Amino acid sequence: MTVAISLISLGAAAQVTKASSEDLMDAAFDMKKASLAADKLAADGFKYCRWSLAELDTSDLDVAVSRFLLNHGSQVPENLSASKMWRVSLLTRDLVNQLAMGSSMCNLRIRFSDEARRVGRAASSSLLKLMVARSKFNDLAYQQTKRQESIRGPEDKERSGEGSGKVATKEILVAALEMKAAGEIEGMLAAKSQTTSGCLHSDPTEPIDWSDLTKLIDYMNHISNSPSTIPPANMWGVALEAEVAELSIFRTLDLCTPYAAEKKKARNVATESSAAYHRLRVAITVFEALALRQTEWEEQVVTQKQELVQEQ
């Protein structure tokens, strides 16, 4: 029994063809380019915005791209596994979060320092470019995940049971419930910032649609005691939706930070947004780690099937 869930629209995600090696490396290059621009801001960020030493930089992304996407550091393998693509994406997600927090720290000082304003604007520009590049990369990782699922036929899914390395449905359910609980505060915070004195106002964004995550949770509740498998693509789909909520919460934090030192109400919303951002970030990190494990498990099943066919 498999779950049928409407996922978010992700470019070529509906197809089951192999992700293009050229498109993959183009997206990886764009991520590295944006990350490198952020690296160049580190010294000024430390000086004018009180950035701490970066835990990650472009050298870490370079290592990940070489290790997971290339053979001998030069060519994309013919059959690149989706899990290796997701590993690069998850490292880039950490770079995004790191740069987002740096940008927010500059916003605390933009009214008092021209240099902080300059660094903050540059950081925001690099952040947007990094997010766009990662989104394109995620499209390809998602496409590759769907392709792997298409190779694994219905009969394999029925035979799989819990299997070695497969993530238990109950474990996924617990993580999904926390991710939803952490994310649902996003709408309340966004609305509060629009009516709070001291928060900058902007055009309201579309509310986050949690219907796919709700459907996945309902399905897992229904089959929690059965050996049914939760497809990795379904997990990645709702995780990426939750990341949209995470960025929306950060946007609210961004709007209320500049006057937080002087305006109590703005400071309160900024404090709430910061706590909500970190809670959701942790929840997404836990859920995506499970999605990665489930992807790797499915790749093992596909590999075993292909080896069996070759032997026959």
C-alpha atoms as a PDB file:
ATOM      1  CA  MET A   1       0.000   0.000   0.000  1.00  0.00           C
ATOM      2  CA  THR A   2       1.469   3.354  -1.002  1.00  0.00           C
ATOM      3  CA  VAL A   3       0.542   6.882  -0.106  1.00  0.00           C
ATOM      4  CA  ALA A   4      -0.927   9.134  -2.789  1.00  0.00           C
ATOM      5  CA  ILE A   5      -0.278  12.744  -1.912  1.00  0.00           C
ATOM      6  CA  SER A   6      -0.345  15.903  -3.995  1.00  0.00           C
ATOM      7  CA  LEU A   7       3.125  17.407  -3.734  1.00  0.00           C
ATOM      8  CA  ILE A   8       4.355  20.919  -4.326  1.00  0.00           C
ATOM      9  CA  SER A   9       5.141  21.957  -7.882  1.00  0.00           C
ATOM     10  CA  LEU A  10       8.860  21.534  -8.388  1.00  0.00           C
ATOM     11  CA  GLY A  11       9.710  22.143 -12.012  1.00  0.00           C
ATOM     12  CA  ALA A  12      10.550  18.794 -13.585  1.00  0.00           C
ATOM     13  CA  ALA A  13       9.516  16.839 -10.498  1.00  0.00           C
ATOM     14  CA  ALA A  14       6.560  15.214 -12.259  1.00  0.00           C
ATOM     15  CA  GLN A  15       8.904  13.480 -14.693  1.00  0.00           C
ATOM     16  CA  VAL A  16      10.846  10.329 -13.936  1.00  0.00           C
ATOM     17  CA  THR A  17      13.723  10.936 -16.325  1.00  0.00           C
ATOM     18  CA  LYS A  18      17.276  11.189 -15.058  1.00  0.00           C
ATOM     19  CA  ALA A  19      18.336  14.630 -13.876  1.00  0.00           C
ATOM     20  CA  SER A  20      20.596  16.380 -16.378  1.00  0.00           C
ATOM     21  CA  SER A  21      24.266  16.375 -15.376  1.00  0.00           C
ATOM     22  CA  GLU A  22      24.738  19.751 -17.038  1.00  0.00           C
ATOM     23  CA  ASP A  23      21.809  21.309 -15.159  1.00  0.00           C
ATOM     24  CA  LEU A  24      23.067  19.764 -11.931  1.00  0.00           C
ATOM     25  CA  MET A  25      26.530  21.260 -12.228  1.00  0.00           C
ATOM     26  CA  ASP A  26      25.136  24.627 -13.343  1.00  0.00           C
ATOM     27  CA  ALA A  27      23.034  24.779 -10.162  1.00  0.00           C
ATOM     28  CA  ALA A  28      25.989  23.655  -8.040  1.00  0.00           C
ATOM     29  CA  PHE A  29      28.171  26.336  -9.638  1.00  0.00           C
ATOM     30  CA  ASP A  30      25.544  29.003  -8.891  1.00  0.00           C
ATOM     31  CA  MET A  31      25.402  27.874  -5.247  1.00  0.00           C
ATOM     32  CA  LYS A  32      29.180  28.041  -4.970  1.00  0.00           C
ATOM     33  CA  LYS A  33      29.276  31.475  -6.611  1.00  0.00           C
ATOM     34  CA  ALA A  34      26.716  32.914  -4.167  1.00  0.00           C
ATOM     35  CA  SER A  35      28.456  31.261  -1.220  1.00  0.00           C
ATOM     36  CA  LEU A  36      31.807  32.704  -2.274  1.00  0.00           C
ATOM     37  CA  ALA A  37      30.296  36.210  -2.358  1.00  0.00           C
ATOM     38  CA  ALA A  38      29.072  35.617   1.205  1.00  0.00           C
ATOM     39  CA  ASP A  39      32.541  34.457   2.290  1.00  0.00           C
ATOM     40  CA  LYS A  40      33.986  37.796   1.164  1.00  0.00           C
ATOM     41  CA  LEU A  41      31.672  39.589   3.593  1.00  0.00           C
ATOM     42  CA  ALA A  42      32.900  37.681   6.643  1.00  0.00           C
ATOM     43  CA  ALA A  43      35.576  40.157   7.763  1.00  0.00           C
ATOM     44  CA  ASP A  44      33.308  43.201   7.431  1.00  0.00           C
ATOM     45  CA  GLY A  45      30.423  41.268   8.963  1.00  0.00           C
ATOM     46  CA  PHE A  46      32.573  40.525  12.003  1.00  0.00           C
ATOM     47  CA  LYS A  47      33.729  44.148  12.209  1.00  0.00           C
ATOM     48  CA  TYR A  48      30.476  46.011  11.628  1.00  0.00           C
ATOM     49  CA  CYS A  49      27.708  43.499  12.469  1.00  0.00           C
ATOM     50  CA  ARG A  50      29.421  41.337  15.108  1.00  0.00           C
ATOM     51  CA  TRP A  51      29.251  38.128  13.094  1.00  0.00           C
ATOM     52  CA  SER A  52      30.808  35.142  14.780  1.00  0.00           C
ATOM     53  CA  LEU A  53      33.312  32.951  12.992  1.00  0.00           C
ATOM     54  CA  ALA A  54      31.530  30.989  10.266  1.00  0.00           C
ATOM     55  CA  GLU A  55      31.088  27.290  10.928  1.00  0.00           C
ATOM     56  CA  LEU A  56      30.893  26.624   7.177  1.00  0.00           C
ATOM     57  CA  ASP A  57      32.128  28.337   4.033  1.00  0.00           C
ATOM     58  CA  THR A  58      32.498  27.673   0.322  1.00  0.00           C
ATOM     59  CA  SER A  59      35.394  25.277   0.891  1.00  0.00           C
ATOM     60  CA  ASP A  60      32.963  22.913   2.653  1.00  0.00           C
ATOM     61  CA  LEU A  61      30.564  23.163  -0.291  1.00  0.00           C
ATOM     62  CA  ASP A  62      33.447  22.485  -2.685  1.00  0.00           C
ATOM     63  CA  VAL A  63      34.334  19.332  -0.758  1.00  0.00           C
ATOM     64  CA  ALA A  64      30.696  18.162  -0.745  1.00  0.00           C
ATOM     65  CA  VAL A  65      30.274  18.733  -4.487  1.00  0.00           C
ATOM     66  CA  SER A  66      33.504  16.879  -5.246  1.00  0.00           C
ATOM     67  CA  ARG A  67      32.728  14.029  -2.859  1.00  0.00           C
ATOM     68  CA  PHE A  68      29.069  13.435  -3.637  1.00  0.00           C
ATOM     69  CA  LEU A  69      28.505  14.648  -7.200  1.00  0.00           C
ATOM     70  CA  LEU A  70      31.722  13.846  -9.046  1.00  0.00           C
ATOM     71  CA  ASN A  71      33.845  10.817  -9.901  1.00  0.00           C
ATOM     72  CA  HIS A  72      37.500  11.537  -9.165  1.00  0.00           C
ATOM     73  CA  GLY A  73      36.601  15.218  -8.815  1.00  0.00           C
ATOM     74  CA  SER A  74      35.825  15.697 -12.497  1.00  0.00           C
ATOM     75  CA  GLN A  75      32.689  13.999 -13.886  1.00  0.00           C
ATOM     76  CA  VAL A  76      29.121  13.371 -12.740  1.00  0.00           C
ATOM     77  CA  PRO A  77      28.542   9.577 -12.536  1.00  0.00           C
ATOM     78  CA  GLU A  78      26.141   8.022 -15.024  1.00  0.00           C
ATOM     79  CA  ASN A  79      23.812   6.887 -12.238  1.00  0.00           C
ATOM     80  CA  LEU A  80      24.134   9.494  -9.503  1.00  0.00           C
ATOM     81  CA  SER A  81      22.078   8.609  -6.449  1.00  0.00           C
ATOM     82  CA  ALA A  82      19.520  11.117  -5.168  1.00  0.00           C
ATOM     83  CA  SER A  83      20.800  10.778  -1.590  1.00  0.00           C
ATOM     84  CA  LYS A  84      24.165  12.240  -2.597  1.00  0.00           C
ATOM     85  CA  MET A  85      22.402  15.189  -4.194  1.00  0.00           C
ATOM     86  CA  TRP A  86      20.374  15.746  -1.035  1.00  0.00           C
ATOM     87  CA  ARG A  87      23.545  15.702   1.060  1.00  0.00           C
ATOM     88  CA  VAL A  88      24.865  18.655  -0.955  1.00  0.00           C
ATOM     89  CA  SER A  89      21.509  20.390  -0.633  1.00  0.00           C
ATOM     90  CA  LEU A  90      21.453  19.965   3.155  1.00  0.00           C
ATOM     91  CA  LEU A  91      24.922  21.427   3.533  1.00  0.00           C
ATOM     92  CA  THR A  92      23.838  24.379   1.386  1.00  0.00           C
ATOM     93  CA  ARG A  93      20.768  24.776   3.611  1.00  0.00           C
ATOM     94  CA  ASP A  94      23.134  25.288   6.544  1.00  0.00           C
ATOM     95  CA  LEU A  95      24.981  27.953   4.543  1.00  0.00           C
ATOM     96  CA  VAL A  96      21.634  29.655   3.857  1.00  0.00           C
ATOM     97  CA  ASN A  97      20.712  29.673   7.555  1.00  0.00           C
ATOM     98  CA  GLN A  98      24.148  30.941   8.538  1.00  0.00           C
ATOM     99  CA  LEU A  99      23.951  33.821   6.043  1.00  0.00           C
ATOM    100  CA  ALA A 100      20.360  34.617   7.042  1.00  0.00           C
ATOM    101  CA  MET A 101      21.363  35.071  10.670  1.00  0.00           C
ATOM    102  CA  GLY A 102      24.302  37.249   9.641  1.00  0.00           C
ATOM    103  CA  SER A 103      21.980  39.452   7.594  1.00  0.00           C
ATOM    104  CA  SER A 104      19.654  39.751  10.597  1.00  0.00           C
ATOM    105  CA  MET A 105      22.537  40.868  12.838  1.00  0.00           C
ATOM    106  CA  CYS A 106      23.367  43.655  10.377  1.00  0.00           C
ATOM    107  CA  ASN A 107      19.739  44.763  10.482  1.00  0.00           C
ATOM    108  CA  LEU A 108      20.118  45.466  14.191  1.00  0.00           C
ATOM    109  CA  ARG A 109      22.643  48.158  13.311  1.00  0.00           C
ATOM    110  CA  ILE A 110      21.526  49.555   9.946  1.00  0.00           C
ATOM    111  CA  ARG A 111      20.047  52.708  11.494  1.00  0.00           C
ATOM    112  CA  PHE A 112      23.293  53.563  13.243  1.00  0.00           C
ATOM    113  CA  SER A 113      25.969  52.426  10.797  1.00  0.00           C
ATOM    114  CA  ASP A 114      26.356  52.979   7.068  1.00  0.00           C
ATOM    115  CA  GLU A 115      28.854  50.116   6.963  1.00  0.00           C
ATOM    116  CA  ALA A 116      26.411  47.729   8.648  1.00  0.00           C
ATOM    117  CA  ARG A 117      23.789  48.782   6.108  1.00  0.00           C
ATOM    118  CA  ARG A 118      26.215  48.086   3.254  1.00  0.00           C
ATOM    119  CA  VAL A 119      27.171  44.652   4.572  1.00  0.00           C
ATOM    120  CA  GLY A 120      23.531  43.825   5.292  1.00  0.00           C
ATOM    121  CA  ARG A 121      22.432  44.665   1.754  1.00  0.00           C
ATOM    122  CA  ALA A 122      25.270  42.625   0.262  1.00  0.00           C
ATOM    123  CA  ALA A 123      24.427  39.711   2.554  1.00  0.00           C
ATOM    124  CA  SER A 124      20.737  39.876   1.555  1.00  0.00           C
ATOM    125  CA  SER A 125      21.687  39.871  -2.137  1.00  0.00           C
ATOM    126  CA  SER A 126      23.959  36.840  -1.720  1.00  0.00           C
ATOM    127  CA  LEU A 127      21.298  35.121   0.384  1.00  0.00           C
ATOM    128  CA  LEU A 128      18.668  35.496  -2.329  1.00  0.00           C
ATOM    129  CA  LYS A 129      21.040  34.162  -4.999  1.00  0.00           C
ATOM    130  CA  LEU A 130      21.997  31.211  -2.811  1.00  0.00           C
ATOM    131  CA  MET A 131      18.344  30.385  -2.113  1.00  0.00           C
ATOM    132  CA  VAL A 132      17.417  30.532  -5.823  1.00  0.00           C
ATOM    133  CA  ALA A 133      20.356  28.321  -6.810  1.00  0.00           C
ATOM    134  CA  ARG A 134      19.526  25.802  -4.095  1.00  0.00           C
ATOM    135  CA  SER A 135      15.892  25.725  -5.214  1.00  0.00           C
ATOM    136  CA  LYS A 136      16.998  24.767  -8.734  1.00  0.00           C
ATOM    137  CA  PHE A 137      19.296  22.121  -7.296  1.00  0.00           C
ATOM    138  CA  ASN A 138      16.455  20.759  -5.156  1.00  0.00           C
ATOM    139  CA  ASP A 139      14.268  20.420  -8.255  1.00  0.00           C
ATOM    140  CA  LEU A 140      16.876  18.078  -9.713  1.00  0.00           C
ATOM    141  CA  ALA A 141      17.361  16.111  -6.490  1.00  0.00           C
ATOM    142  CA  TYR A 142      13.601  15.674  -6.240  1.00  0.00           C
ATOM    143  CA  GLN A 143      13.424  14.549  -9.863  1.00  0.00           C
ATOM    144  CA  GLN A 144      16.148  11.975  -9.231  1.00  0.00           C
ATOM    145  CA  THR A 145      14.300  10.747  -6.135  1.00  0.00           C
ATOM    146  CA  LYS A 146      11.125  10.232  -8.158  1.00  0.00           C
ATOM    147  CA  ARG A 147      13.096   8.387 -10.822  1.00  0.00           C
ATOM    148  CA  GLN A 148      14.486   5.962  -8.255  1.00  0.00           C
ATOM    149  CA  GLU A 149      10.992   5.340  -6.927  1.00  0.00           C
ATOM    150  CA  SER A 150       9.784   4.574 -10.460  1.00  0.00           C
ATOM    151  CA  ILE A 151      12.477   1.913 -10.849  1.00  0.00           C
ATOM    152  CA  ARG A 152      11.259   0.198  -7.719  1.00  0.00           C
ATOM    153  CA  GLY A 153       8.006  -1.435  -8.810  1.00  0.00           C
ATOM    154  CA  PRO A 154       4.817  -2.061  -6.790  1.00  0.00           C
ATOM    155  CA  GLU A 155       5.781  -5.663  -6.134  1.00  0.00           C
ATOM    156  CA  ASP A 156       9.015  -4.522  -4.452  1.00  0.00           C
ATOM    157  CA  LYS A 157       7.098  -2.108  -2.242  1.00  0.00           C
ATOM    158  CA  GLU A 158       4.757  -4.864  -1.092  1.00  0.00           C
ATOM    159  CA  ARG A 159       7.662  -7.211  -0.310  1.00  0.00           C
ATOM    160  CA  SER A 160       9.857  -4.651   1.402  1.00  0.00           C
ATOM    161  CA  GLY A 161       8.348  -4.774   4.905  1.00  0.00           C
ATOM    162  CA  GLU A 162      10.331  -2.777   7.429  1.00  0.00           C
ATOM    163  CA  GLY A 163      13.636  -3.925   5.984  1.00  0.00           C
ATOM    164  CA  SER A 164      17.177  -3.153   7.069  1.00  0.00           C
ATOM    165  CA  GLY A 165      17.783   0.603   7.181  1.00  0.00           C
ATOM    166  CA  LYS A 166      14.192   1.597   6.498  1.00  0.00           C
ATOM    167  CA  VAL A 167      12.858   4.372   8.738  1.00  0.00           C
ATOM    168  CA  ALA A 168       9.897   3.312  10.854  1.00  0.00           C
ATOM    169  CA  THR A 169       6.653   5.116  10.048  1.00  0.00           C
ATOM    170  CA  LYS A 170       6.134   6.056  13.701  1.00  0.00           C
ATOM    171  CA  GLU A 171       9.521   7.792  13.771  1.00  0.00           C
ATOM    172  CA  ILE A 172       8.608   9.803  10.671  1.00  0.00           C
ATOM    173  CA  LEU A 173       5.211  10.631  12.170  1.00  0.00           C
ATOM    174  CA  VAL A 174       6.686  12.064  15.381  1.00  0.00           C
ATOM    175  CA  ALA A 175       9.078  14.258  13.389  1.00  0.00           C
ATOM    176  CA  ALA A 176       6.316  15.390  11.020  1.00  0.00           C
ATOM    177  CA  LEU A 177       4.024  16.384  13.895  1.00  0.00           C
ATOM    178  CA  GLU A 178       6.750  18.517  15.469  1.00  0.00           C
ATOM    179  CA  MET A 179       7.569  20.128  12.130  1.00  0.00           C
ATOM    180  CA  LYS A 180       3.913  21.048  11.621  1.00  0.00           C
ATOM    181  CA  ALA A 181       3.498  22.353  15.172  1.00  0.00           C
ATOM    182  CA  ALA A 182       6.653  24.440  14.846  1.00  0.00           C
ATOM    183  CA  GLY A 183       5.647  25.826  11.456  1.00  0.00           C
ATOM    184  CA  GLU A 184       2.026  26.712  12.052  1.00  0.00           C
ATOM    185  CA  ILE A 185       2.977  29.745  14.161  1.00  0.00           C
ATOM    186  CA  GLU A 186       4.315  31.385  10.987  1.00  0.00           C
ATOM    187  CA  GLY A 187       0.965  32.885   9.954  1.00  0.00           C
ATOM    188  CA  MET A 188       0.301  34.396  13.366  1.00  0.00           C
ATOM    189  CA  LEU A 189       3.724  36.026  13.500  1.00  0.00           C
ATOM    190  CA  ALA A 190       3.410  37.406   9.954  1.00  0.00           C
ATOM    191  CA  ALA A 191       0.022  38.948  10.787  1.00  0.00           C
ATOM    192  CA  LYS A 192       1.306  40.369  14.077  1.00  0.00           C
ATOM    193  CA  SER A 193       4.249  42.089  12.378  1.00  0.00           C
ATOM    194  CA  GLN A 194       1.888  43.884  10.003  1.00  0.00           C
ATOM    195  CA  THR A 195       0.070  45.589  12.901  1.00  0.00           C
ATOM    196  CA  THR A 196       2.992  46.129  15.279  1.00  0.00           C
ATOM    197  CA  SER A 197       4.441  49.595  15.715  1.00  0.00           C
ATOM    198  CA  GLY A 198       8.160  49.461  15.042  1.00  0.00           C
ATOM    199  CA  CYS A 199       8.041  46.542  12.593  1.00  0.00           C
ATOM    200  CA  LEU A 200       8.620  47.481   8.975  1.00  0.00           C
ATOM    201  CA  HIS A 201       5.598  46.715   6.826  1.00  0.00           C
ATOM    202  CA  SER A 202       5.587  45.021   3.433  1.00  0.00           C
ATOM    203  CA  ASP A 203       3.118  43.393   1.100  1.00  0.00           C
ATOM    204  CA  PRO A 204       1.606  40.341   2.799  1.00  0.00           C
ATOM    205  CA  THR A 205       2.671  36.964   1.454  1.00  0.00           C
ATOM    206  CA  GLU A 206       0.438  34.023   0.607  1.00  0.00           C
ATOM    207  CA  PRO A 207      -0.346  31.858   3.655  1.00  0.00           C
ATOM    208  CA  ILE A 208       1.585  28.594   3.866  1.00  0.00           C
ATOM    209  CA  ASP A 209      -0.494  25.659   2.651  1.00  0.00           C
ATOM    210  CA  TRP A 210      -0.006  22.767   5.086  1.00  0.00           C
ATOM    211  CA  SER A 211      -2.471  20.435   3.336  1.00  0.00           C
ATOM    212  CA  ASP A 212       0.209  18.080   1.977  1.00  0.00           C
ATOM    213  CA  LEU A 213       1.872  17.685   5.364  1.00  0.00           C
ATOM    214  CA  THR A 214      -1.540  17.179   6.966  1.00  0.00           C
ATOM    215  CA  LYS A 215      -2.374  14.454   4.421  1.00  0.00           C
ATOM    216  CA  LEU A 216       0.935  12.739   5.079  1.00  0.00           C
ATOM    217  CA  ILE A 217       0.361  12.834   8.840  1.00  0.00           C
ATOM    218  CA  ASP A 218      -3.180  11.484   8.451  1.00  0.00           C
ATOM    219  CA  TYR A 219      -1.919   8.681   6.237  1.00  0.00           C
ATOM    220  CA  MET A 220       0.843   7.737   8.667  1.00  0.00           C
ATOM    221  CA  ASN A 221      -1.654   7.644  11.524  1.00  0.00           C
ATOM    222  CA  HIS A 222      -3.742   5.279   9.408  1.00  0.00           C
ATOM    223  CA  ILE A 223      -0.913   2.849   8.571  1.00  0.00           C
ATOM    224  CA  SER A 224       1.282   3.273  11.663  1.00  0.00           C
ATOM    225  CA  ASN A 225       1.024  -0.410  12.581  1.00  0.00           C
ATOM    226  CA  SER A 226       1.495  -1.761   9.048  1.00  0.00           C
ATOM    227  CA  PRO A 227       4.717  -2.405   7.089  1.00  0.00           C
ATOM    228  CA  SER A 228       3.803   0.174   4.430  1.00  0.00           C
ATOM    229  CA  THR A 229       6.578   2.420   3.165  1.00  0.00           C
ATOM    230  CA  ILE A 230       6.544   6.219   3.126  1.00  0.00           C
ATOM    231  CA  PRO A 231       8.115   7.198  -0.227  1.00  0.00           C
ATOM    232  CA  PRO A 232      11.127   9.501   0.172  1.00  0.00           C
ATOM    233  CA  ALA A 233       9.765  11.937  -2.433  1.00  0.00           C
ATOM    234  CA  ASN A 234       6.710  12.546  -0.272  1.00  0.00           C
ATOM    235  CA  MET A 235       8.954  13.310   2.670  1.00  0.00           C
ATOM    236  CA  TRP A 236      11.167  15.695   0.713  1.00  0.00           C
ATOM    237  CA  GLY A 237       8.107  17.432  -0.734  1.00  0.00           C
ATOM    238  CA  VAL A 238       6.642  18.380   2.644  1.00  0.00           C
ATOM    239  CA  ALA A 239      10.074  19.190   4.100  1.00  0.00           C
ATOM    240  CA  LEU A 240      10.698  21.723   1.352  1.00  0.00           C
ATOM    241  CA  GLU A 241       7.273  23.229   2.021  1.00  0.00           C
ATOM    242  CA  ALA A 242       8.229  23.601   5.678  1.00  0.00           C
ATOM    243  CA  GLU A 243      11.391  25.402   4.589  1.00  0.00           C
ATOM    244  CA  VAL A 244       9.151  28.012   2.933  1.00  0.00           C
ATOM    245  CA  ALA A 245       7.533  28.594   6.338  1.00  0.00           C
ATOM    246  CA  GLU A 246      10.981  28.814   7.917  1.00  0.00           C
ATOM    247  CA  LEU A 247      11.983  31.568   5.506  1.00  0.00           C
ATOM    248  CA  SER A 248       8.690  33.359   6.096  1.00  0.00           C
ATOM    249  CA  ILE A 249       9.370  33.407   9.836  1.00  0.00           C
ATOM    250  CA  PHE A 250      12.838  34.753   9.142  1.00  0.00           C
ATOM    251  CA  ARG A 251      11.249  37.480   6.993  1.00  0.00           C
ATOM    252  CA  THR A 252       9.095  38.514   9.961  1.00  0.00           C
ATOM    253  CA  LEU A 253      12.203  38.586  12.150  1.00  0.00           C
ATOM    254  CA  ASP A 254      13.884  40.721   9.502  1.00  0.00           C
ATOM    255  CA  LEU A 255      11.010  43.229   9.473  1.00  0.00           C
ATOM    256  CA  CYS A 256      10.941  43.701  13.245  1.00  0.00           C
ATOM    257  CA  THR A 257      14.690  43.710  13.986  1.00  0.00           C
ATOM    258  CA  PRO A 258      15.761  47.248  12.910  1.00  0.00           C
ATOM    259  CA  TYR A 259      13.744  48.987  15.668  1.00  0.00           C
ATOM    260  CA  ALA A 260      13.878  46.164  18.229  1.00  0.00           C
ATOM    261  CA  ALA A 261      16.340  48.050  20.440  1.00  0.00           C
ATOM    262  CA  GLU A 262      13.955  50.985  20.858  1.00  0.00           C
ATOM    263  CA  LYS A 263      10.435  49.633  20.351  1.00  0.00           C
ATOM    264  CA  LYS A 264       9.240  47.103  22.927  1.00  0.00           C
ATOM    265  CA  LYS A 265       6.461  45.676  20.739  1.00  0.00           C
ATOM    266  CA  ALA A 266       8.808  45.221  17.797  1.00  0.00           C
ATOM    267  CA  ARG A 267      11.338  43.593  20.129  1.00  0.00           C
ATOM    268  CA  ASN A 268       8.694  41.176  21.408  1.00  0.00           C
ATOM    269  CA  VAL A 269       7.719  40.090  17.890  1.00  0.00           C
ATOM    270  CA  ALA A 270      11.387  39.771  16.913  1.00  0.00           C
ATOM    271  CA  THR A 271      12.049  37.629  19.995  1.00  0.00           C
ATOM    272  CA  GLU A 272       9.052  35.385  19.254  1.00  0.00           C
ATOM    273  CA  SER A 273      10.110  35.085  15.619  1.00  0.00           C
ATOM    274  CA  SER A 274      13.676  34.192  16.553  1.00  0.00           C
ATOM    275  CA  ALA A 275      12.490  31.417  18.883  1.00  0.00           C
ATOM    276  CA  ALA A 276      10.012  30.125  16.273  1.00  0.00           C
ATOM    277  CA  TYR A 277      12.687  30.215  13.544  1.00  0.00           C
ATOM    278  CA  HIS A 278      15.127  28.141  15.588  1.00  0.00           C
ATOM    279  CA  ARG A 279      12.453  25.652  16.675  1.00  0.00           C
ATOM    280  CA  LEU A 280      11.313  25.077  13.096  1.00  0.00           C
ATOM    281  CA  ARG A 281      14.877  24.878  11.861  1.00  0.00           C
ATOM    282  CA  VAL A 282      15.602  22.062  14.324  1.00  0.00           C
ATOM    283  CA  ALA A 283      12.362  20.261  13.393  1.00  0.00           C
ATOM    284  CA  ILE A 284      13.152  20.457   9.673  1.00  0.00           C
ATOM    285  CA  THR A 285      16.708  19.252  10.265  1.00  0.00           C
ATOM    286  CA  VAL A 286      15.425  16.180  12.128  1.00  0.00           C
ATOM    287  CA  PHE A 287      12.787  15.414   9.485  1.00  0.00           C
ATOM    288  CA  GLU A 288      15.179  15.848   6.552  1.00  0.00           C
ATOM    289  CA  ALA A 289      17.681  13.527   8.224  1.00  0.00           C
ATOM    290  CA  LEU A 290      14.948  10.859   8.212  1.00  0.00           C
ATOM    291  CA  ALA A 291      14.124  11.639   4.584  1.00  0.00           C
ATOM    292  CA  LEU A 292      17.789  11.135   3.720  1.00  0.00           C
ATOM    293  CA  ARG A 293      17.858   7.783   5.524  1.00  0.00           C
ATOM    294  CA  GLN A 294      14.692   6.689   3.715  1.00  0.00           C
ATOM    295  CA  THR A 295      16.201   7.730   0.376  1.00  0.00           C
ATOM    296  CA  GLU A 296      19.367   5.750   1.048  1.00  0.00           C
ATOM    297  CA  TRP A 297      17.294   2.714   2.043  1.00  0.00           C
ATOM    298  CA  GLU A 298      15.302   2.881  -1.187  1.00  0.00           C
ATOM    299  CA  GLU A 299      18.518   3.161  -3.200  1.00  0.00           C
ATOM    300  CA  GLN A 300      19.708  -0.064  -1.591  1.00  0.00           C
ATOM    301  CA  VAL A 301      16.479  -1.778  -2.663  1.00  0.00           C
ATOM    302  CA  VAL A 302      16.890  -0.496  -6.242  1.00  0.00           C
ATOM    303  CA  THR A 303      20.534  -1.640  -6.341  1.00  0.00           C
ATOM    304  CA  GLN A 304      19.582  -5.112  -5.102  1.00  0.00           C
ATOM    305  CA  LYS A 305      16.845  -5.341  -7.735  1.00  0.00           C
ATOM    306  CA  GLN A 306      19.255  -4.344 -10.518  1.00  0.00           C
ATOM    307  CA  GLU A 307      21.863  -6.870  -9.341  1.00  0.00           C
ATOM    308  CA  LEU A 308      19.215  -9.586  -9.272  1.00  0.00           C
ATOM    309  CA  VAL A 309      18.167  -8.776 -12.844  1.00  0.00           C
ATOM    310  CA  GLN A 310      21.814  -8.906 -13.996  1.00  0.00           C
ATOM    311  CA  GLU A 311      22.308 -12.306 -12.355  1.00  0.00           C
ATOM    312  CA  GLN A 312      19.226 -13.680 -14.076  1.00  0.00           C
END
